[in-house]
Amino acid sequence: MRKKIDVLIIGTGIAGLTAAIYLKEAGLDVVVTTKESSIEETNTNYAQGGIIAWKEGDKRDNLEQDILKAGCNYNNLEAVKLFAMEGPQLVLDFFIDKLKTQFTQTSEGKLDYTEEAAHSDRRVLHFADHTGDVLQKSLQDYAAGLQIPILTNHTAIDLITNNHHSDDCQEFYKQREVMGCYVLDNLTGDVITFFADKVILATGGLGNLYQHTTNPASATGDGMSMAYRAGADIINAEFIQFHPTALYHREIKRFLISESLRGEGAKLRDSTGRYFMEDYSPMKDLAPRDVVARAIYNQMGKTGSEYVLLDIASFYKGEIPLKKRFSKIYQTCLEGGLDITKKPIPIVPAAHYFCGGIKVDLAGRSSLKNLYAIGEVSCTGLHGANRLASSSLLEGLLWAKLAAEDISQNFEKIEQQRNKFIPDWKRPNEVEEFDPLLLSQDWKAIQLTMWNYAGIIRTNKGLERARADLNYYSHRIFSFYKTARLNKDIIELRNAIVNATIIVNAATHNSQSIGCHFVK
């Protein structure tokens, strides 16, 4: 099956849906795809803390300095300035005025701003601790009103480029450009050849490459792997941010304990009951995430414990009752037998956010013609070596708008006759049947390797071991991929091994210990 559209958007989080809304309203033919059966299975939907927004009296320079300080001054200064200038107001204009999104208000009926680590002001808007799913629903409802086609159960396989896929030899001599994407229909097994004048990757992060993560299982870095294989530039891949506080529980996995708890007064203590953050930073519990994550990791090692404790019950200072302010955390912990109003929360650090990604400019354009990347899969350099809390949702929102504006204002169609030389997806002659046990084993091997050797604290010897192990897994996985019956799981596994190798190679080549790339 062959389809032709103006813009193909891969991903249904804040970046993907925002771009789709702007492009649809600009009159372009847009299709959005997700590999999941549910539109809302995104990192956006699971976000708790909030989104940086405009607040009266909060100076732009202060936000810039907070971003630079958190990012260890490794940031792209132009991206930081643009973000601080245009981002915060956009939250009010887009979500509140346009989409009519409801945020938590104070008893006086004003917007309730909370504080998070490394911020110099309370500038984070939220809806209790359900911010992500509230934003996700607002986007979905508005997109539905515009009748934007969203294809669930459609997994992107490979970007189509003229140099690699065309049967016209003249394309070899032209600039490399993206012409669309091969997309698998998970339910039928058919591969659709999508031709698109522009492709936007909004596929999110890659936390599932690690043994412990706050990300959903779908966060396998598909967009970066596809872009890398197509020849796009990747930068800052060594910078994996580990969230300091994920719930430590035998049955409840991947659950984030929002940083806003510490913004509202929560303090960390070790298994002996000692509050320890003053040993590691003058900012104590509100230090940047990389500092807090390493402090917890070190303290666990000192005490021989598998977790530390986060005490909100003794220190909560918000005006909204604790059960209501953090209703999602409260209810989830209660289901696990823990009442956070009475007892501290057992937590561990976990892979959370990818600060690197596909290199893009300030309009979201990658190094490949016609290919854009926005949100976590992209790297504008905004975050530098470590991300400031609650900046990710706003980054996705802002660069979705900027990319959509660049596309709509400079839209050019690819000559239709060039598409005739692009073949449909070629299947292997001999198909090997899928063995879920082997796939599961390969996944666990990758996750353990990344956690042990390319995790919170790295060593040169450990990174070399990781490279050797990943090379071995890579050979086996790619050999299997070439002969296997194609499905979503196998595509994700191939993307995972590609991304793990990219991260470890980047970490190996950066000898500077900085931010969330910490080398002993």
Protein backbone atom coordinates (compact mmCIF):
# COMPACT_ATOMS: atom_id res chain seq x y z
CA MET A 1 0.00 0.00 0.00
CA ARG A 2 1.29 3.47 -0.96
CA LYS A 3 0.01 6.75 0.50
CA LYS A 4 0.95 10.37 -0.15
CA ILE A 5 0.49 13.20 2.37
CA ASP A 6 1.98 16.63 3.09
CA VAL A 7 3.34 15.92 6.57
CA LEU A 8 3.81 12.65 8.45
CA ILE A 9 4.17 13.03 12.22
CA ILE A 10 5.42 10.05 14.22
CA GLY A 11 4.45 10.31 17.90
CA THR A 12 1.35 11.42 19.82
CA GLY A 13 2.79 13.23 22.87
CA ILE A 14 2.80 16.97 23.43
CA ALA A 15 5.25 17.63 20.58
CA GLY A 16 3.53 15.47 17.96
CA LEU A 17 -0.04 16.54 18.66
CA THR A 18 0.83 20.23 19.01
CA ALA A 19 2.61 20.20 15.65
CA ALA A 20 -0.34 18.41 14.08
CA ILE A 21 -2.75 21.04 15.41
CA TYR A 22 -0.73 23.97 14.05
CA LEU A 23 -0.17 22.29 10.67
CA LYS A 24 -3.79 21.26 10.27
CA GLU A 25 -4.93 24.79 11.05
CA ALA A 26 -2.43 26.04 8.45
CA GLY A 27 -4.25 23.95 5.83
CA LEU A 28 -1.78 21.10 5.37
CA ASP A 29 -2.66 17.41 4.98
CA VAL A 30 -1.36 15.75 8.14
CA VAL A 31 -1.29 12.16 9.43
CA VAL A 32 -0.09 11.21 12.91
CA THR A 33 1.04 7.68 13.78
CA THR A 34 1.82 5.82 16.99
CA LYS A 35 3.06 2.26 17.44
CA GLU A 36 0.86 1.87 20.51
CA SER A 37 -2.78 0.75 20.59
CA SER A 38 -3.63 3.85 22.64
CA ILE A 39 -2.95 7.45 21.64
CA GLU A 40 -2.12 8.44 25.20
CA GLU A 41 0.65 5.89 25.74
CA THR A 42 3.31 8.62 25.80
CA ASN A 43 5.85 10.11 28.21
CA THR A 44 3.71 13.25 28.19
CA ASN A 45 0.78 11.37 29.66
CA TYR A 46 2.88 10.07 32.56
CA ALA A 47 4.39 13.45 33.48
CA GLN A 48 3.40 14.57 36.97
CA GLY A 49 5.21 17.69 38.13
CA GLY A 50 4.16 20.42 35.73
CA ILE A 51 5.20 22.84 33.01
CA ILE A 52 7.18 26.07 33.22
CA ALA A 53 4.87 29.00 32.49
CA TRP A 54 4.80 32.79 32.51
CA LYS A 55 4.40 34.30 35.94
CA GLU A 56 4.20 37.95 36.83
CA GLY A 57 7.46 39.16 38.32
CA ASP A 58 9.53 36.21 37.11
CA LYS A 59 12.35 37.67 35.03
CA ARG A 60 13.41 35.99 31.81
CA ASP A 61 17.07 36.32 32.78
CA ASN A 62 16.42 34.32 35.95
CA LEU A 63 14.95 31.44 33.95
CA GLU A 64 17.89 31.54 31.56
CA GLN A 65 20.36 31.37 34.43
CA ASP A 66 18.48 28.47 36.05
CA ILE A 67 18.60 26.50 32.78
CA LEU A 68 22.30 27.22 32.31
CA LYS A 69 23.16 26.34 35.88
CA ALA A 70 21.27 23.04 35.71
CA GLY A 71 22.86 22.31 32.32
CA CYS A 72 26.40 23.05 33.61
CA ASN A 73 26.72 25.87 31.04
CA TYR A 74 27.00 23.23 28.33
CA ASN A 75 23.79 24.59 26.77
CA ASN A 76 23.18 26.17 23.38
CA LEU A 77 22.82 29.83 24.40
CA GLU A 78 20.58 30.68 21.45
CA ALA A 79 18.17 27.87 22.32
CA VAL A 80 18.08 28.94 25.97
CA LYS A 81 17.29 32.56 25.07
CA LEU A 82 14.56 31.54 22.63
CA PHE A 83 13.02 29.18 25.17
CA ALA A 84 13.00 31.79 27.94
CA MET A 85 11.65 34.50 25.65
CA GLU A 86 8.84 32.65 23.87
CA GLY A 87 8.12 29.52 25.90
CA PRO A 88 6.46 30.55 29.18
CA GLN A 89 3.85 32.85 27.60
CA LEU A 90 2.98 30.14 25.06
CA VAL A 91 1.63 27.94 27.86
CA LEU A 92 -0.98 30.58 28.66
CA ASP A 93 -1.73 31.35 25.02
CA PHE A 94 -1.95 27.77 23.79
CA PHE A 95 -3.17 25.63 26.68
CA ILE A 96 -5.24 28.08 28.70
CA ASP A 97 -6.61 30.44 26.02
CA LYS A 98 -6.76 28.10 23.02
CA LEU A 99 -7.30 24.60 24.42
CA LYS A 100 -9.07 25.76 27.63
CA THR A 101 -6.91 23.48 29.78
CA GLN A 102 -7.56 23.64 33.51
CA PHE A 103 -4.64 24.02 35.92
CA THR A 104 -4.77 23.90 39.70
CA GLN A 105 -5.77 27.19 41.32
CA THR A 106 -5.21 28.67 44.76
CA SER A 107 -8.03 29.29 47.21
CA GLU A 108 -8.15 32.83 45.79
CA GLY A 109 -8.84 31.55 42.29
CA LYS A 110 -5.38 32.32 40.90
CA LEU A 111 -3.04 29.95 39.09
CA ASP A 112 -1.10 27.83 41.57
CA TYR A 113 2.62 27.81 40.81
CA THR A 114 4.84 25.23 42.46
CA GLU A 115 8.62 25.06 42.92
CA GLU A 116 10.99 22.39 41.71
CA ALA A 117 14.67 21.67 42.15
CA ALA A 118 17.19 24.19 40.76
CA HIS A 119 14.50 26.83 40.09
CA SER A 120 14.94 30.29 41.58
CA ASP A 121 11.20 30.95 41.58
CA ARG A 122 7.87 29.14 41.82
CA ARG A 123 7.09 29.14 38.09
CA VAL A 124 5.71 25.65 37.42
CA LEU A 125 2.01 25.27 36.57
CA HIS A 126 0.36 21.96 37.37
CA PHE A 127 -2.91 20.12 37.78
CA ALA A 128 -2.29 18.43 41.14
CA ASP A 129 0.18 15.69 40.11
CA HIS A 130 -1.83 14.78 37.00
CA THR A 131 -0.36 17.49 34.76
CA GLY A 132 0.73 15.15 31.97
CA ASP A 133 -2.55 13.33 31.48
CA VAL A 134 -4.52 16.61 31.66
CA LEU A 135 -2.35 18.14 28.91
CA GLN A 136 -2.53 14.93 26.87
CA LYS A 137 -6.35 14.88 27.03
CA SER A 138 -6.57 18.57 26.09
CA LEU A 139 -4.42 17.93 23.02
CA GLN A 140 -6.34 14.81 22.01
CA ASP A 141 -9.72 16.50 22.36
CA TYR A 142 -8.65 19.51 20.31
CA ALA A 143 -7.04 17.32 17.63
CA ALA A 144 -10.23 15.26 17.43
CA GLY A 145 -12.21 18.45 16.87
CA LEU A 146 -9.97 19.24 13.89
CA GLN A 147 -10.45 15.66 12.59
CA ILE A 148 -6.72 15.01 12.45
CA PRO A 149 -6.11 11.39 11.37
CA ILE A 150 -4.25 9.49 14.10
CA LEU A 151 -3.24 5.93 13.24
CA THR A 152 -2.69 3.70 16.27
CA ASN A 153 -0.88 0.34 16.03
CA HIS A 154 1.36 1.69 13.27
CA THR A 155 5.09 1.22 13.88
CA ALA A 156 7.61 3.26 11.91
CA ILE A 157 10.31 1.00 10.47
CA ASP A 158 12.68 3.11 8.39
CA LEU A 159 12.83 6.61 6.95
CA ILE A 160 12.76 6.64 3.15
CA THR A 161 15.69 8.57 1.65
CA ASN A 162 16.45 9.24 -1.99
CA ASN A 163 20.09 8.10 -1.83
CA HIS A 164 19.36 4.80 -0.14
CA HIS A 165 16.00 3.63 -1.44
CA SER A 166 15.46 5.05 -4.92
CA ASP A 167 16.02 2.85 -7.98
CA ASP A 168 16.89 5.98 -9.96
CA CYS A 169 20.69 6.16 -9.97
CA GLN A 170 20.55 9.94 -10.45
CA GLU A 171 19.36 10.24 -6.87
CA PHE A 172 22.79 9.06 -5.70
CA TYR A 173 24.24 12.38 -6.84
CA LYS A 174 21.70 14.61 -5.14
CA GLN A 175 21.60 15.95 -1.60
CA ARG A 176 20.28 13.33 0.79
CA GLU A 177 16.69 13.98 1.71
CA VAL A 178 13.85 12.23 3.45
CA MET A 179 10.87 11.36 1.24
CA GLY A 180 8.68 9.47 3.70
CA CYS A 181 8.66 6.40 5.89
CA TYR A 182 7.94 2.68 5.80
CA VAL A 183 5.29 2.00 8.45
CA LEU A 184 4.13 -1.39 9.73
CA ASP A 185 0.44 -1.98 10.44
CA ASN A 186 0.81 -4.02 13.63
CA LEU A 187 -2.57 -5.70 13.24
CA THR A 188 -2.37 -6.84 9.61
CA GLY A 189 1.38 -7.15 9.16
CA ASP A 190 1.22 -4.97 6.03
CA VAL A 191 3.91 -2.36 5.43
CA ILE A 192 2.65 0.99 4.15
CA THR A 193 4.91 3.15 1.99
CA PHE A 194 4.14 6.64 3.27
CA PHE A 195 5.36 9.41 0.98
CA ALA A 196 5.52 12.76 2.76
CA ASP A 197 6.96 16.12 1.78
CA LYS A 198 8.00 16.59 5.39
CA VAL A 199 8.46 14.08 8.22
CA ILE A 200 8.41 15.09 11.88
CA LEU A 201 9.88 12.74 14.45
CA ALA A 202 8.23 13.24 17.86
CA THR A 203 8.90 9.76 19.21
CA GLY A 204 10.01 10.71 22.72
CA GLY A 205 12.75 9.21 24.86
CA LEU A 206 14.64 5.97 25.38
CA GLY A 207 14.49 5.22 29.10
CA ASN A 208 13.51 1.61 28.48
CA LEU A 209 17.13 0.90 27.50
CA TYR A 210 17.86 0.88 31.25
CA GLN A 211 16.99 -1.65 33.94
CA HIS A 212 15.34 1.04 36.09
CA THR A 213 13.33 3.78 34.40
CA THR A 214 10.35 6.05 34.93
CA ASN A 215 9.47 5.78 31.23
CA PRO A 216 6.79 3.52 29.76
CA ALA A 217 7.91 0.37 27.94
CA SER A 218 7.32 2.15 24.62
CA ALA A 219 10.28 4.54 25.22
CA THR A 220 12.80 2.75 23.01
CA GLY A 221 14.20 5.73 21.08
CA ASP A 222 12.74 4.70 17.72
CA GLY A 223 13.08 8.12 16.11
CA MET A 224 16.76 8.54 16.90
CA SER A 225 17.61 5.07 15.63
CA MET A 226 15.79 5.68 12.36
CA ALA A 227 17.37 9.12 11.91
CA TYR A 228 20.85 7.76 12.68
CA ARG A 229 20.49 4.95 10.16
CA ALA A 230 19.33 7.48 7.58
CA GLY A 231 22.44 9.61 8.18
CA ALA A 232 21.21 12.42 10.47
CA ASP A 233 23.55 14.02 12.99
CA ILE A 234 23.20 12.92 16.63
CA ILE A 235 24.67 14.99 19.49
CA ASN A 236 25.02 14.90 23.30
CA ALA A 237 23.98 11.24 23.42
CA GLU A 238 26.01 10.61 26.56
CA PHE A 239 23.69 12.81 28.63
CA ILE A 240 21.07 10.54 30.17
CA GLN A 241 19.26 12.19 33.05
CA PHE A 242 18.38 9.93 35.94
CA HIS A 243 15.45 11.06 38.02
CA PRO A 244 16.42 10.85 41.69
CA THR A 245 13.08 9.60 42.94
CA ALA A 246 11.27 6.63 41.44
CA LEU A 247 9.13 4.45 43.68
CA TYR A 248 10.95 1.39 45.01
CA HIS A 249 8.31 -1.33 45.20
CA ARG A 250 8.24 -5.01 44.34
CA GLU A 251 4.97 -4.83 42.40
CA ILE A 252 4.69 -1.21 41.22
CA LYS A 253 7.23 -0.45 38.49
CA ARG A 254 8.08 2.64 36.43
CA PHE A 255 6.31 5.01 38.80
CA LEU A 256 7.79 8.47 39.17
CA ILE A 257 7.71 10.33 42.48
CA SER A 258 7.53 13.90 41.24
CA GLU A 259 10.28 16.38 42.00
CA SER A 260 7.57 18.80 43.09
CA LEU A 261 7.38 16.88 46.39
CA ARG A 262 10.84 18.20 47.19
CA GLY A 263 9.70 21.58 45.91
CA GLU A 264 6.95 21.42 48.52
CA GLY A 265 9.36 20.54 51.32
CA ALA A 266 10.06 16.78 51.14
CA LYS A 267 13.51 15.68 52.35
CA LEU A 268 15.66 12.66 51.65
CA ARG A 269 17.05 10.41 54.37
CA ASP A 270 18.95 7.16 54.23
CA SER A 271 18.07 3.79 55.73
CA THR A 272 19.58 4.85 59.07
CA GLY A 273 17.20 7.82 59.27
CA ARG A 274 19.86 10.47 58.54
CA TYR A 275 19.10 13.43 56.26
CA PHE A 276 22.12 13.42 53.98
CA MET A 277 21.75 15.93 51.13
CA GLU A 278 23.69 18.65 52.95
CA ASP A 279 26.75 16.40 52.53
CA TYR A 280 26.52 16.75 48.75
CA SER A 281 25.24 20.23 47.90
CA PRO A 282 24.53 23.60 49.56
CA MET A 283 21.15 23.42 47.76
CA LYS A 284 20.46 20.23 49.72
CA ASP A 285 17.29 18.46 48.53
CA LEU A 286 16.67 21.05 45.80
CA ALA A 287 20.00 20.51 44.03
CA PRO A 288 19.93 19.66 40.29
CA ARG A 289 18.82 16.16 39.39
CA ASP A 290 22.24 14.77 38.50
CA VAL A 291 23.62 15.86 41.88
CA VAL A 292 20.72 14.37 43.82
CA ALA A 293 20.73 11.11 41.82
CA ARG A 294 24.46 10.57 42.46
CA ALA A 295 24.05 11.47 46.13
CA ILE A 296 21.33 8.83 46.53
CA TYR A 297 23.40 6.29 44.59
CA ASN A 298 26.43 6.94 46.82
CA GLN A 299 24.38 6.88 50.01
CA MET A 300 22.83 3.54 49.07
CA GLY A 301 26.34 2.20 48.62
CA LYS A 302 27.49 3.53 51.99
CA THR A 303 24.56 2.06 53.90
CA GLY A 304 24.25 -1.13 51.88
CA SER A 305 20.59 -0.41 51.14
CA GLU A 306 18.68 -0.84 47.88
CA TYR A 307 16.76 2.41 48.41
CA VAL A 308 16.54 5.62 50.43
CA LEU A 309 13.50 7.38 51.89
CA LEU A 310 11.66 10.54 50.83
CA ASP A 311 9.79 12.16 53.70
CA ILE A 312 6.96 14.48 52.64
CA ALA A 313 4.65 13.89 55.60
CA SER A 314 6.90 15.71 58.08
CA PHE A 315 7.75 18.72 55.91
CA TYR A 316 4.86 19.46 53.52
CA LYS A 317 4.28 23.21 53.26
CA GLY A 318 1.61 23.55 50.53
CA GLU A 319 -1.80 25.07 51.21
CA ILE A 320 -3.66 22.28 49.37
CA PRO A 321 -4.09 19.08 51.45
CA LEU A 322 -1.35 16.54 50.73
CA LYS A 323 -3.80 13.85 49.59
CA LYS A 324 -5.28 16.24 47.03
CA ARG A 325 -2.10 18.03 45.92
CA PHE A 326 -0.40 14.72 45.14
CA SER A 327 -3.47 12.56 44.57
CA LYS A 328 -1.89 10.33 41.93
CA ILE A 329 1.17 9.60 44.06
CA TYR A 330 -0.94 9.21 47.18
CA GLN A 331 -3.34 6.75 45.57
CA THR A 332 -0.64 4.71 43.82
CA CYS A 333 1.41 4.38 46.99
CA LEU A 334 -1.71 3.51 48.99
CA GLU A 335 -2.42 0.67 46.54
CA GLY A 336 1.07 -0.59 47.38
CA GLY A 337 0.37 -0.46 51.11
CA LEU A 338 2.02 2.90 51.84
CA ASP A 339 0.30 6.01 53.22
CA ILE A 340 2.55 8.96 52.30
CA THR A 341 0.81 11.19 54.86
CA LYS A 342 2.19 8.97 57.60
CA LYS A 343 5.33 7.25 56.33
CA PRO A 344 8.27 8.17 54.06
CA ILE A 345 8.40 6.83 50.51
CA PRO A 346 11.10 4.29 49.51
CA ILE A 347 12.75 5.56 46.31
CA VAL A 348 15.62 4.83 43.90
CA PRO A 349 17.07 6.81 40.96
CA ALA A 350 15.89 5.73 37.49
CA ALA A 351 16.59 6.65 33.86
CA HIS A 352 14.23 9.48 33.08
CA TYR A 353 15.13 11.88 30.27
CA PHE A 354 17.41 11.93 27.26
CA CYS A 355 19.16 15.30 26.99
CA GLY A 356 20.78 14.44 23.64
CA GLY A 357 19.23 13.33 20.40
CA ILE A 358 18.84 14.27 16.76
CA LYS A 359 20.69 17.53 16.17
CA VAL A 360 18.23 20.24 15.11
CA ASP A 361 18.30 24.00 14.62
CA LEU A 362 15.98 26.52 16.26
CA ALA A 363 13.18 25.58 13.84
CA GLY A 364 13.48 21.85 14.53
CA ARG A 365 15.21 21.08 11.22
CA SER A 366 17.62 18.14 11.25
CA SER A 367 20.74 17.78 9.11
CA LEU A 368 18.63 15.85 6.56
CA LYS A 369 16.43 17.80 4.18
CA ASN A 370 12.68 17.45 4.91
CA LEU A 371 13.27 15.81 8.31
CA TYR A 372 12.27 17.59 11.53
CA ALA A 373 12.64 16.37 15.11
CA ILE A 374 10.89 17.86 18.14
CA GLY A 375 10.57 17.03 21.81
CA GLU A 376 12.77 14.55 23.64
CA VAL A 377 14.01 12.79 20.49
CA SER A 378 15.61 16.04 19.34
CA CYS A 379 18.57 18.02 20.67
CA THR A 380 18.52 21.79 20.32
CA GLY A 381 21.15 22.08 23.03
CA LEU A 382 18.58 23.65 25.36
CA HIS A 383 19.32 21.28 28.23
CA GLY A 384 23.09 21.13 27.92
CA ALA A 385 24.52 18.45 30.21
CA ASN A 386 21.45 18.15 32.45
CA ARG A 387 17.80 19.22 32.15
CA LEU A 388 16.08 21.74 34.40
CA ALA A 389 12.94 20.27 35.97
CA SER A 390 9.61 20.85 34.17
CA SER A 391 11.28 22.21 31.03
CA SER A 392 10.59 19.18 28.84
CA LEU A 393 6.86 19.65 28.28
CA LEU A 394 7.42 23.28 27.37
CA GLU A 395 10.27 22.36 25.04
CA GLY A 396 7.97 19.96 23.19
CA LEU A 397 5.24 22.59 22.98
CA LEU A 398 7.50 25.42 21.79
CA TRP A 399 9.48 23.51 19.17
CA ALA A 400 6.32 21.89 17.83
CA LYS A 401 5.00 25.38 17.13
CA LEU A 402 8.31 26.57 15.66
CA ALA A 403 8.66 23.52 13.41
CA ALA A 404 5.05 23.75 12.24
CA GLU A 405 5.47 27.42 11.42
CA ASP A 406 8.68 26.76 9.49
CA ILE A 407 7.00 23.99 7.49
CA SER A 408 3.81 25.90 6.70
CA GLN A 409 5.62 29.13 5.78
CA ASN A 410 8.22 27.45 3.56
CA PHE A 411 6.32 24.45 2.29
CA GLU A 412 7.63 22.79 -0.88
CA LYS A 413 6.36 19.58 -2.41
CA ILE A 414 8.61 16.77 -3.59
CA GLU A 415 8.15 16.05 -7.29
CA GLN A 416 5.64 13.22 -7.56
CA GLN A 417 7.49 11.38 -10.31
CA ARG A 418 10.45 10.81 -7.97
CA ASN A 419 8.25 8.64 -5.76
CA LYS A 420 7.75 6.18 -8.61
CA PHE A 421 11.34 5.00 -8.21
CA ILE A 422 10.90 4.16 -4.51
CA PRO A 423 10.09 0.46 -4.12
CA ASP A 424 7.71 -0.95 -1.55
CA TRP A 425 9.09 -2.73 1.50
CA LYS A 426 11.07 -5.83 0.61
CA ARG A 427 10.46 -8.88 2.79
CA PRO A 428 13.04 -11.64 3.31
CA ASN A 429 12.70 -14.75 1.15
CA GLU A 430 12.94 -17.05 4.15
CA VAL A 431 11.07 -15.99 7.27
CA GLU A 432 12.24 -17.03 10.72
CA GLU A 433 9.53 -17.33 13.34
CA PHE A 434 9.51 -15.03 16.32
CA ASP A 435 10.67 -16.41 19.70
CA PRO A 436 9.50 -14.09 22.52
CA LEU A 437 11.81 -15.77 25.05
CA LEU A 438 14.94 -14.94 23.06
CA LEU A 439 13.75 -11.37 22.53
CA SER A 440 13.10 -10.94 26.25
CA GLN A 441 16.57 -12.26 27.04
CA ASP A 442 18.20 -9.80 24.61
CA TRP A 443 16.24 -6.91 26.11
CA LYS A 444 17.35 -7.79 29.63
CA ALA A 445 20.96 -8.08 28.51
CA ILE A 446 20.87 -4.59 26.95
CA GLN A 447 19.14 -3.05 29.97
CA LEU A 448 21.54 -4.57 32.48
CA THR A 449 24.58 -3.58 30.42
CA MET A 450 23.39 0.02 30.18
CA TRP A 451 22.48 0.22 33.87
CA ASN A 452 25.78 -1.23 35.09
CA TYR A 453 28.22 0.46 32.70
CA ALA A 454 26.51 3.53 31.17
CA GLY A 455 24.36 4.57 34.11
CA ILE A 456 24.52 7.09 36.94
CA ILE A 457 28.26 6.68 37.55
CA ARG A 458 30.53 5.51 34.70
CA THR A 459 34.12 4.34 34.39
CA ASN A 460 36.30 4.04 31.31
CA LYS A 461 36.75 0.32 31.92
CA GLY A 462 32.99 -0.14 32.31
CA LEU A 463 32.23 1.73 29.09
CA GLU A 464 34.73 -0.41 27.18
CA ARG A 465 33.04 -3.51 28.58
CA ALA A 466 29.68 -2.12 27.47
CA ARG A 467 30.96 -1.54 23.92
CA ALA A 468 32.22 -5.10 23.68
CA ASP A 469 28.99 -6.60 25.02
CA LEU A 470 26.77 -4.42 22.81
CA ASN A 471 28.80 -5.32 19.70
CA TYR A 472 28.14 -8.97 20.43
CA TYR A 473 24.40 -8.41 20.96
CA SER A 474 24.23 -6.20 17.88
CA HIS A 475 25.58 -8.85 15.54
CA ARG A 476 23.08 -11.40 16.81
CA ILE A 477 20.09 -9.04 16.76
CA PHE A 478 20.76 -7.69 13.27
CA SER A 479 21.27 -11.19 11.88
CA PHE A 480 17.91 -12.20 13.32
CA TYR A 481 16.20 -9.00 12.13
CA LYS A 482 17.12 -9.65 8.50
CA THR A 483 15.28 -12.98 8.45
CA ALA A 484 12.54 -12.52 11.05
CA ARG A 485 8.86 -11.99 10.42
CA LEU A 486 8.50 -8.28 11.06
CA ASN A 487 6.61 -7.06 14.12
CA LYS A 488 6.69 -4.16 16.59
CA ASP A 489 8.78 -6.01 19.18
CA ILE A 490 11.59 -6.84 16.76
CA ILE A 491 11.66 -3.29 15.39
CA GLU A 492 11.96 -1.93 18.94
CA LEU A 493 14.78 -4.34 19.77
CA ARG A 494 16.75 -3.26 16.71
CA ASN A 495 16.24 0.38 17.65
CA ALA A 496 17.33 -0.35 21.23
CA ILE A 497 20.66 -1.91 20.27
CA VAL A 498 21.40 0.94 17.84
CA ASN A 499 20.63 3.56 20.49
CA ALA A 500 22.55 1.80 23.25
CA THR A 501 25.61 1.70 21.00
CA ILE A 502 25.24 5.40 20.16
CA ILE A 503 25.05 6.33 23.85
CA VAL A 504 28.04 4.23 24.91
CA ASN A 505 30.19 5.46 22.01
CA ALA A 506 29.35 9.08 22.87
CA ALA A 507 30.13 8.46 26.55
CA THR A 508 33.43 6.80 25.65
CA HIS A 509 34.54 9.75 23.52
CA ASN A 510 33.65 12.43 26.08
CA SER A 511 36.41 12.42 28.67
CA GLN A 512 34.92 15.43 30.50
CA SER A 513 32.86 14.44 33.51
CA ILE A 514 29.99 16.92 33.45
CA GLY A 515 26.30 17.01 34.32
CA CYS A 516 24.60 13.67 33.96
CA HIS A 517 27.67 12.20 32.24
CA PHE A 518 29.67 11.40 35.37
CA VAL A 519 32.89 9.46 34.90
CA LYS A 520 35.00 8.29 37.85
